[in-house]
Every structure is written in structure tokens, then in C-alpha cells.
Amino acid sequence: MKYNKAFNINKNKISLDSPTYFIADIAANHDNDIEKAKELIWLAAEAGADAAKFQHFTAKTIVSDYGFKSLGGKMSHQSNWEKSVYETYEDASLNIDWTDTLLQTCKEANIDFFTSPYSIPIVDTVDPYVPAYKVGSGDITYIEIIEHMAQKGKPVLLATGASNFSDVKRAVNSILKHTRDIALMQCNTNYTASVENFNYINLNVLNAYRKEFPDMILGLSDHTKGDTTVLAAIALGARVIEKHFTDDNNRKGPDHAFSMNPKSWRAMVDRSREVEMSMGTGIKIVEGNEQESVILQRRCIRLTKNLPANHIITEGDIESLRPAPLNSYLPFEKDEVLGKALKKAKDQGDAIFKGDI
């Protein structure tokens, strides 16, 4: 199984050694207003997003009105929707004619534009506009559309919410038939914004993905409030992060409540950059900013009294105290000092240095 451990989305390099790539999923938060969609692109860019992502679908290409009505009632997060599921998707659908305008706006804002297309014809329609594709978790078993995206030869970002490992491997294998540029994203597909959802994020799945697919680019598509899971995911090696984005969490609509806003998005990016800086190489060394601490915080062997030259050092003559100048004897080296003669007289409190005995 071959895949790339690094790839590019436009000018952005995606790799374990590169800065985390942040995708602002505007999704339905444009509220069917192109000016609002354009405004959100600019706000996302100003808040530090690397990409603005939309979702291209029509209600009839993604949901069955009959099917949802036959369930006997709306479930989960949909239970709070004022309209039927089908009508809500109609309201949330993105006008395909907006695509070029949204792309040009992203270019002006200097961030990437791409989308999750939810029908095979729509994949073909948006292909000239996008540098990458995002497969939503709900389509992880829709192998036909996954392969159709992968055949375009562009990076594919695969969200894996509400799935098991067999589902994941099936989808990954279908992508790798056509492209080696893949990002595998842990996800928990629950949009209720409940604090209880933290019990189900299961970020350690990233470790399982790393074991199964060594060096594959990993990521997180997240629907919890705040940035806790994002910071932890980055520490576990995720380098693609997707969160929903809005300008106001109090606006009506299916996604606003659990979305990040410009202020929280900026804080998330800034704190994530701090996490990236904190990870280091994994090699334990005395760090560059600890050179003086080695002297100031460590103890060395010091004299408890004034001693003449040729004195034989005993246990009562020494104690271990800070600081520890370079080339002094350290506490674990005490046996190298005891029973030895001083070459010269030394005062109480002096450190014993290599060469003094």
C-alpha cells in the first residue's frame, strides 16, 4: 500500500513537519446568502484559516424526503430543526453558480477553496475549481463517489466519523487505487454540541491509524465546542484540522451553535502553533535555553569548612549545594572525591573542580 507522507494543496505543504493546515468549514453557515458566504471567507482568512471549505449538494442528491419522514420523527441534532430534514437541506444547499465567485474571493483572501461534493455530477462540475476534495463521514461507504473524487488525481481528505475500522480501510483502499495523496481524519459525527461528546471523540484512534498506516497524513474533523480536541490531536500528530466556522454562534441554522467564530478560531490557531513549537524532536537533551539552568539549578560538591592542601577529604568535609559551575564534581560523583587529597587549599563553600584532587 503506497501513499505519500507529504503533499501540497496549492502552495501549502501538508506533512508531519509542516504547520497544521486549518480548514474553516463554512458549510451551511452562509444561510443561502452569497454576500454572507464571501464575508465568512474573509473572516476565516483573517482568523488564520488556510482554507475555506463549502459543501456542494442539492437536497435531492443527498437526502430522501420519504426516507426521513418514514423514520417517524427527527432524531439527534435534527430534532431541533424547525423545518423537515429535506426542507432544511434545501435551505442549506449551495447555489452551484456561486462557485467561481467563491473561488475568486478565496484567491483575494489568500486562502484555499475546496468543497465536499455530494453527487457524482457535482464532483465533475466543481473539479476545475478545487485543489483537493473532502469526503464527508456520511459518504464513507459510498465508494463510487469516493473513487470518482480520487480519480481526479487531487488530494483526498477522508473523514471517518460514525464508522469502524473495516469501513475506514475500505475507503482508504478505494482512494489509494487512484491517488497517493490522502489525509485520514478522525471524526465523531455528532452535531448536538453537547459537552458529553468529549467522551466519544476517541483521539487515540489517531494512534491506531498511525500503526495501520505509518507515515500517512492524519487529521481531525471536529464538531465539539472550543479547541481542546484540536490541541490534543495536533500533539498526537494530526496535521489537517477541520472545524465549522461562523461569524455568530447565536444565528439560526443547523451548524452555527457548534461552530468556531473569528475570535475562537484565532485563539485556536495561535494555541496550536504553540503546541507545534512545543513538540520538539523527541530526543532528550539539555535544550538551548537550559544551558544556564544546568549551572543554577543543579548541585555540586562543596566544602563545609576551610581545608589545607594535601587534606584527605572525608564525608564530613563535603555537602551538595547549588549552583554547579562547569567542570565541578556532581553529587553522583561523590565516590570520586572521598578519600582523595586536595592539591591546594580551598575555602568553606568552594566547589571541588576536576583537577582540584
Protein backbone atom coordinates (compact mmCIF):
# COMPACT_ATOMS: atom_id res chain seq x y z
CA MET A 1 0.00 0.00 0.00
CA LYS A 2 1.70 3.18 -1.19
CA TYR A 3 0.84 6.71 -0.18
CA ASN A 4 2.70 9.97 0.19
CA LYS A 5 3.87 11.22 3.57
CA ALA A 6 3.75 14.76 2.18
CA PHE A 7 1.71 16.53 -0.47
CA ASN A 8 0.64 20.03 -1.41
CA ILE A 9 -2.71 21.78 -1.51
CA ASN A 10 -1.86 24.75 -3.69
CA LYS A 11 1.12 26.42 -2.01
CA ASN A 12 0.56 24.70 1.34
CA LYS A 13 2.72 21.69 2.12
CA ILE A 14 0.92 19.07 4.19
CA SER A 15 3.29 16.92 6.23
CA LEU A 16 4.15 15.95 9.78
CA ASP A 17 6.96 18.50 9.72
CA SER A 18 4.81 21.34 8.33
CA PRO A 19 2.45 23.71 10.15
CA THR A 20 -1.01 22.30 10.74
CA TYR A 21 -3.41 23.03 7.87
CA PHE A 22 -6.64 24.61 9.13
CA ILE A 23 -9.88 24.26 7.17
CA ALA A 24 -12.78 26.55 8.01
CA ASP A 25 -15.87 24.58 7.05
CA ILE A 26 -18.40 27.27 6.20
CA ALA A 27 -20.83 24.55 5.15
CA ALA A 28 -24.40 25.83 5.58
CA ASN A 29 -23.41 28.87 7.63
CA HIS A 30 -23.73 31.13 4.58
CA ASP A 31 -27.51 30.94 5.20
CA ASN A 32 -28.14 30.94 1.46
CA ASP A 33 -26.64 34.41 1.07
CA ILE A 34 -23.64 34.79 -1.25
CA GLU A 35 -22.55 38.03 0.43
CA LYS A 36 -22.54 36.25 3.78
CA ALA A 37 -20.51 33.42 2.22
CA LYS A 38 -17.95 35.93 0.92
CA GLU A 39 -17.81 37.69 4.28
CA LEU A 40 -17.17 34.39 6.06
CA ILE A 41 -14.28 33.64 3.70
CA TRP A 42 -12.61 36.94 4.61
CA LEU A 43 -13.27 36.46 8.32
CA ALA A 44 -11.83 32.93 8.20
CA ALA A 45 -8.71 34.16 6.42
CA GLU A 46 -8.21 36.97 8.92
CA ALA A 47 -8.62 34.49 11.79
CA GLY A 48 -5.82 32.26 10.43
CA ALA A 49 -7.59 29.63 8.32
CA ASP A 50 -5.64 28.09 5.43
CA ALA A 51 -8.77 27.09 3.53
CA ALA A 52 -12.46 27.85 3.31
CA LYS A 53 -14.48 24.75 2.56
CA PHE A 54 -18.04 24.53 1.34
CA GLN A 55 -20.46 21.67 0.75
CA HIS A 56 -21.94 21.32 -2.72
CA PHE A 57 -25.23 19.46 -2.78
CA THR A 58 -28.88 19.75 -3.61
CA ALA A 59 -31.44 18.28 -1.27
CA LYS A 60 -32.41 15.61 -3.80
CA THR A 61 -28.80 14.48 -4.28
CA ILE A 62 -28.16 13.86 -0.58
CA VAL A 63 -31.38 13.02 1.29
CA SER A 64 -34.63 11.20 0.72
CA ASP A 65 -37.66 13.15 1.87
CA TYR A 66 -39.66 9.93 2.03
CA GLY A 67 -36.87 8.17 3.87
CA PHE A 68 -36.57 10.69 6.67
CA LYS A 69 -40.31 11.02 7.09
CA SER A 70 -40.60 7.26 7.34
CA LEU A 71 -38.29 7.27 10.39
CA GLY A 72 -41.31 8.56 12.32
CA GLY A 73 -39.65 11.69 13.64
CA LYS A 74 -36.44 13.68 13.54
CA MET A 75 -33.51 12.29 15.52
CA SER A 76 -30.38 13.64 17.26
CA HIS A 77 -29.46 17.23 16.31
CA GLN A 78 -32.19 17.26 13.65
CA SER A 79 -34.88 17.21 16.32
CA ASN A 80 -34.33 20.95 16.87
CA TRP A 81 -34.81 21.87 13.22
CA GLU A 82 -37.95 23.90 12.60
CA LYS A 83 -38.44 22.52 9.09
CA SER A 84 -38.34 18.98 7.74
CA VAL A 85 -34.96 17.41 7.04
CA TYR A 86 -35.50 17.75 3.30
CA GLU A 87 -36.54 21.40 3.56
CA THR A 88 -33.57 22.18 5.81
CA TYR A 89 -31.19 20.70 3.26
CA GLU A 90 -32.91 22.71 0.55
CA ASP A 91 -32.27 25.88 2.55
CA ALA A 92 -28.66 24.89 3.24
CA SER A 93 -27.78 23.95 -0.33
CA LEU A 94 -25.14 25.98 -2.10
CA ASN A 95 -26.01 27.58 -5.41
CA ILE A 96 -23.64 25.99 -7.91
CA ASP A 97 -23.47 29.29 -9.78
CA TRP A 98 -21.67 30.81 -6.79
CA THR A 99 -18.66 28.55 -7.22
CA ASP A 100 -16.48 30.81 -9.32
CA THR A 101 -17.27 33.83 -7.15
CA LEU A 102 -16.34 31.92 -4.01
CA LEU A 103 -13.11 30.72 -5.61
CA GLN A 104 -12.16 34.26 -6.63
CA THR A 105 -12.97 35.55 -3.15
CA CYS A 106 -10.70 32.89 -1.63
CA LYS A 107 -7.92 33.90 -4.01
CA GLU A 108 -8.31 37.53 -2.98
CA ALA A 109 -8.26 36.49 0.69
CA ASN A 110 -5.19 34.30 0.01
CA ILE A 111 -6.69 31.06 1.26
CA ASP A 112 -7.57 27.82 -0.50
CA PHE A 113 -11.05 26.99 -1.73
CA PHE A 114 -12.44 23.49 -1.88
CA THR A 115 -15.53 21.54 -1.08
CA SER A 116 -17.27 18.30 -0.23
CA PRO A 117 -19.35 17.44 -3.31
CA TYR A 118 -22.31 15.18 -2.62
CA SER A 119 -23.10 13.75 -6.03
CA ILE A 120 -21.00 12.37 -8.87
CA PRO A 121 -22.17 15.03 -11.38
CA ILE A 122 -21.33 17.74 -8.84
CA VAL A 123 -17.81 16.29 -8.48
CA ASP A 124 -17.34 16.86 -12.21
CA THR A 125 -18.81 20.36 -12.02
CA VAL A 126 -16.56 21.59 -9.18
CA ASP A 127 -13.39 19.83 -10.29
CA PRO A 128 -11.96 22.80 -12.27
CA TYR A 129 -12.24 24.94 -9.15
CA VAL A 130 -10.71 22.81 -6.39
CA PRO A 131 -7.16 21.68 -5.49
CA ALA A 132 -8.43 18.94 -3.14
CA TYR A 133 -11.54 17.06 -2.09
CA LYS A 134 -13.01 16.38 1.32
CA VAL A 135 -15.09 13.22 1.77
CA GLY A 136 -17.68 13.74 4.48
CA SER A 137 -18.06 10.96 7.04
CA GLY A 138 -21.57 10.18 5.86
CA ASP A 139 -20.20 9.06 2.50
CA ILE A 140 -17.53 6.70 3.83
CA THR A 141 -19.48 3.73 2.47
CA TYR A 142 -20.32 5.44 -0.83
CA ILE A 143 -17.26 4.01 -2.54
CA GLU A 144 -18.43 5.02 -6.01
CA ILE A 145 -18.23 8.74 -5.26
CA ILE A 146 -15.01 8.34 -3.24
CA GLU A 147 -13.29 6.69 -6.19
CA HIS A 148 -14.71 9.29 -8.55
CA MET A 149 -13.07 12.04 -6.49
CA ALA A 150 -9.81 10.13 -6.20
CA GLN A 151 -9.69 9.61 -9.97
CA LYS A 152 -9.31 13.37 -10.37
CA GLY A 153 -5.73 12.97 -9.13
CA LYS A 154 -6.01 15.54 -6.34
CA PRO A 155 -5.51 15.12 -2.59
CA VAL A 156 -8.44 13.48 -0.84
CA LEU A 157 -9.22 14.23 2.79
CA LEU A 158 -11.26 11.41 4.30
CA ALA A 159 -13.34 11.98 7.44
CA THR A 160 -14.12 8.79 9.34
CA GLY A 161 -16.96 9.60 11.75
CA ALA A 162 -19.63 7.00 12.59
CA SER A 163 -17.54 4.20 11.10
CA ASN A 164 -15.47 1.20 12.15
CA PHE A 165 -12.01 0.13 11.06
CA SER A 166 -13.36 -2.03 8.23
CA ASP A 167 -15.19 0.99 6.81
CA VAL A 168 -12.03 3.08 7.07
CA LYS A 169 -9.77 0.55 5.37
CA ARG A 170 -12.29 0.01 2.58
CA ALA A 171 -12.47 3.73 1.86
CA VAL A 172 -8.70 4.22 2.16
CA ASN A 173 -8.03 1.38 -0.25
CA SER A 174 -10.50 2.81 -2.74
CA ILE A 175 -8.72 6.18 -2.66
CA LEU A 176 -5.26 4.63 -2.99
CA LYS A 177 -6.27 2.94 -6.23
CA HIS A 178 -6.14 6.36 -7.85
CA THR A 179 -4.04 8.77 -5.78
CA ARG A 180 -1.32 8.59 -3.15
CA ASP A 181 -2.25 11.97 -1.67
CA ILE A 182 -4.55 11.21 1.24
CA ALA A 183 -5.24 12.62 4.69
CA LEU A 184 -7.02 10.31 7.11
CA MET A 185 -9.11 12.24 9.60
CA GLN A 186 -10.57 11.00 12.87
CA CYS A 187 -14.08 12.32 13.42
CA ASN A 188 -17.02 11.91 15.74
CA THR A 189 -20.20 12.57 13.80
CA ASN A 190 -22.45 14.17 16.37
CA TYR A 191 -23.71 17.72 15.91
CA THR A 192 -25.52 18.26 19.21
CA ALA A 193 -22.73 20.44 20.70
CA SER A 194 -23.19 18.56 23.98
CA VAL A 195 -20.27 18.55 26.43
CA GLU A 196 -20.87 14.80 26.71
CA ASN A 197 -19.48 14.42 23.20
CA PHE A 198 -15.95 14.67 24.57
CA ASN A 199 -16.49 11.13 25.85
CA TYR A 200 -16.71 9.92 22.26
CA ILE A 201 -14.03 11.84 20.35
CA ASN A 202 -11.59 8.95 20.86
CA LEU A 203 -8.45 10.76 19.74
CA ASN A 204 -6.37 7.67 20.43
CA VAL A 205 -7.77 6.34 17.16
CA LEU A 206 -5.07 8.54 15.62
CA ASN A 207 -2.52 6.20 17.20
CA ALA A 208 -4.33 3.23 15.68
CA TYR A 209 -4.29 4.93 12.29
CA ARG A 210 -0.56 5.64 12.66
CA LYS A 211 0.07 1.97 13.41
CA GLU A 212 -2.03 0.73 10.48
CA PHE A 213 -0.87 3.40 8.04
CA PRO A 214 2.65 4.53 9.05
CA ASP A 215 3.58 8.00 7.76
CA MET A 216 0.10 8.69 6.35
CA ILE A 217 -1.05 12.27 6.89
CA LEU A 218 -3.55 12.33 9.77
CA GLY A 219 -6.14 14.88 10.74
CA LEU A 220 -9.22 15.70 12.77
CA SER A 221 -12.65 16.78 11.60
CA ASP A 222 -14.28 18.04 14.77
CA HIS A 223 -17.69 19.22 15.95
CA THR A 224 -17.06 19.87 19.64
CA LYS A 225 -17.08 23.34 21.14
CA GLY A 226 -13.73 25.00 21.63
CA ASP A 227 -10.26 23.83 20.71
CA THR A 228 -9.43 21.19 23.34
CA THR A 229 -9.62 18.26 20.94
CA VAL A 230 -7.71 20.16 18.27
CA LEU A 231 -4.73 20.83 20.53
CA ALA A 232 -4.63 17.22 21.66
CA ALA A 233 -4.94 15.91 18.11
CA ILE A 234 -2.02 18.03 16.96
CA ALA A 235 0.06 16.65 19.82
CA LEU A 236 -0.84 13.16 18.55
CA GLY A 237 0.35 14.01 15.04
CA ALA A 238 -2.71 15.42 13.26
CA ARG A 239 -1.73 17.99 10.64
CA VAL A 240 -5.09 18.71 8.99
CA ILE A 241 -7.81 20.24 11.16
CA GLU A 242 -11.36 20.96 10.05
CA LYS A 243 -13.84 22.90 12.18
CA HIS A 244 -17.09 24.63 11.25
CA PHE A 245 -16.87 28.41 11.06
CA THR A 246 -19.44 31.14 11.62
CA ASP A 247 -19.45 34.82 12.44
CA ASP A 248 -22.06 34.44 15.19
CA ASN A 249 -22.88 31.31 17.20
CA ASN A 250 -26.31 32.70 18.06
CA ARG A 251 -27.58 32.79 14.50
CA LYS A 252 -30.25 30.32 13.48
CA GLY A 253 -29.20 27.37 11.35
CA PRO A 254 -28.08 23.75 11.71
CA ASP A 255 -24.36 24.41 12.22
CA HIS A 256 -23.93 27.77 13.95
CA ALA A 257 -24.13 26.53 17.55
CA PHE A 258 -21.07 24.26 17.46
CA SER A 259 -19.01 26.33 15.00
CA MET A 260 -15.92 28.35 15.82
CA ASN A 261 -16.22 32.12 15.46
CA PRO A 262 -13.44 34.52 14.39
CA LYS A 263 -12.25 35.13 17.95
CA SER A 264 -12.19 31.46 19.00
CA TRP A 265 -10.68 30.42 15.65
CA ARG A 266 -7.78 32.85 16.05
CA ALA A 267 -7.19 31.61 19.60
CA MET A 268 -7.25 28.00 18.34
CA VAL A 269 -4.67 28.69 15.64
CA ASP A 270 -2.40 30.65 17.97
CA ARG A 271 -2.51 27.96 20.65
CA SER A 272 -1.97 25.26 18.03
CA ARG A 273 1.19 26.99 16.81
CA GLU A 274 2.40 26.93 20.42
CA VAL A 275 1.70 23.20 20.58
CA GLU A 276 3.66 22.67 17.36
CA MET A 277 6.63 24.59 18.77
CA SER A 278 6.40 22.55 21.96
CA MET A 279 6.60 19.11 20.36
CA GLY A 280 10.33 19.15 19.57
CA THR A 281 12.40 16.31 18.14
CA GLY A 282 11.77 13.62 20.74
CA ILE A 283 15.50 13.45 21.53
CA LYS A 284 16.14 14.22 25.20
CA ILE A 285 18.93 16.77 25.52
CA VAL A 286 19.83 19.82 27.57
CA GLU A 287 18.00 22.39 25.49
CA GLY A 288 19.48 25.66 24.28
CA ASN A 289 17.51 27.71 26.80
CA GLU A 290 18.56 25.41 29.68
CA GLN A 291 22.33 25.97 29.46
CA GLU A 292 22.37 28.37 32.39
CA SER A 293 19.84 26.27 34.30
CA VAL A 294 22.36 23.43 34.34
CA ILE A 295 24.54 25.69 36.48
CA LEU A 296 21.86 27.44 38.52
CA GLN A 297 19.55 24.52 39.35
CA ARG A 298 21.96 21.64 39.82
CA ARG A 299 24.00 20.89 42.92
CA CYS A 300 27.71 20.28 43.09
CA ILE A 301 30.03 19.03 45.84
CA ARG A 302 31.13 21.93 48.08
CA LEU A 303 33.32 22.15 51.19
CA THR A 304 31.79 22.53 54.66
CA LYS A 305 34.96 24.09 56.09
CA ASN A 306 38.31 25.61 55.14
CA LEU A 307 40.74 22.85 54.19
CA PRO A 308 44.52 22.93 53.64
CA ALA A 309 46.44 21.48 50.72
CA ASN A 310 47.01 17.69 50.92
CA HIS A 311 43.95 17.22 53.17
CA ILE A 312 42.26 13.85 52.69
CA ILE A 313 38.56 14.51 52.05
CA THR A 314 36.05 12.82 54.35
CA GLU A 315 32.23 12.63 54.38
CA GLY A 316 32.04 15.48 56.89
CA ASP A 317 34.06 17.79 54.67
CA ILE A 318 31.51 17.99 51.87
CA GLU A 319 27.87 18.73 51.06
CA SER A 320 25.82 19.08 47.86
CA LEU A 321 24.51 22.60 47.13
CA ARG A 322 23.59 24.81 44.20
CA PRO A 323 24.97 26.20 41.90
CA ALA A 324 27.07 23.71 39.93
CA PRO A 325 29.71 25.53 37.87
CA LEU A 326 31.00 23.79 34.78
CA ASN A 327 33.61 21.11 35.50
CA SER A 328 32.65 20.77 39.18
CA TYR A 329 32.01 17.41 40.79
CA LEU A 330 28.31 16.50 40.90
CA PRO A 331 26.60 14.61 43.75
CA PHE A 332 26.62 11.27 41.93
CA GLU A 333 30.41 11.60 41.63
CA LYS A 334 30.96 11.74 45.40
CA ASP A 335 32.91 8.46 45.46
CA GLU A 336 35.47 10.05 43.13
CA VAL A 337 36.12 12.72 45.78
CA LEU A 338 36.07 10.86 49.12
CA GLY A 339 39.47 9.66 50.28
CA LYS A 340 41.32 11.87 47.83
CA ALA A 341 43.83 14.61 48.72
CA LEU A 342 43.35 18.26 47.82
CA LYS A 343 46.09 19.67 45.59
CA LYS A 344 45.65 23.14 47.09
CA ALA A 345 43.94 24.86 50.00
CA LYS A 346 40.28 25.69 49.49
CA ASP A 347 37.77 27.75 51.46
CA GLN A 348 34.46 26.76 53.04
CA GLY A 349 31.73 26.84 50.39
CA ASP A 350 34.12 26.35 47.47
CA ALA A 351 33.13 23.84 44.79
CA ILE A 352 35.53 20.99 44.15
CA PHE A 353 36.52 21.04 40.50
CA LYS A 354 38.03 18.41 38.29
CA GLY A 355 41.76 18.92 38.79
CA ASP A 356 41.47 20.00 42.46
CA ILE A 357 42.25 16.49 43.74
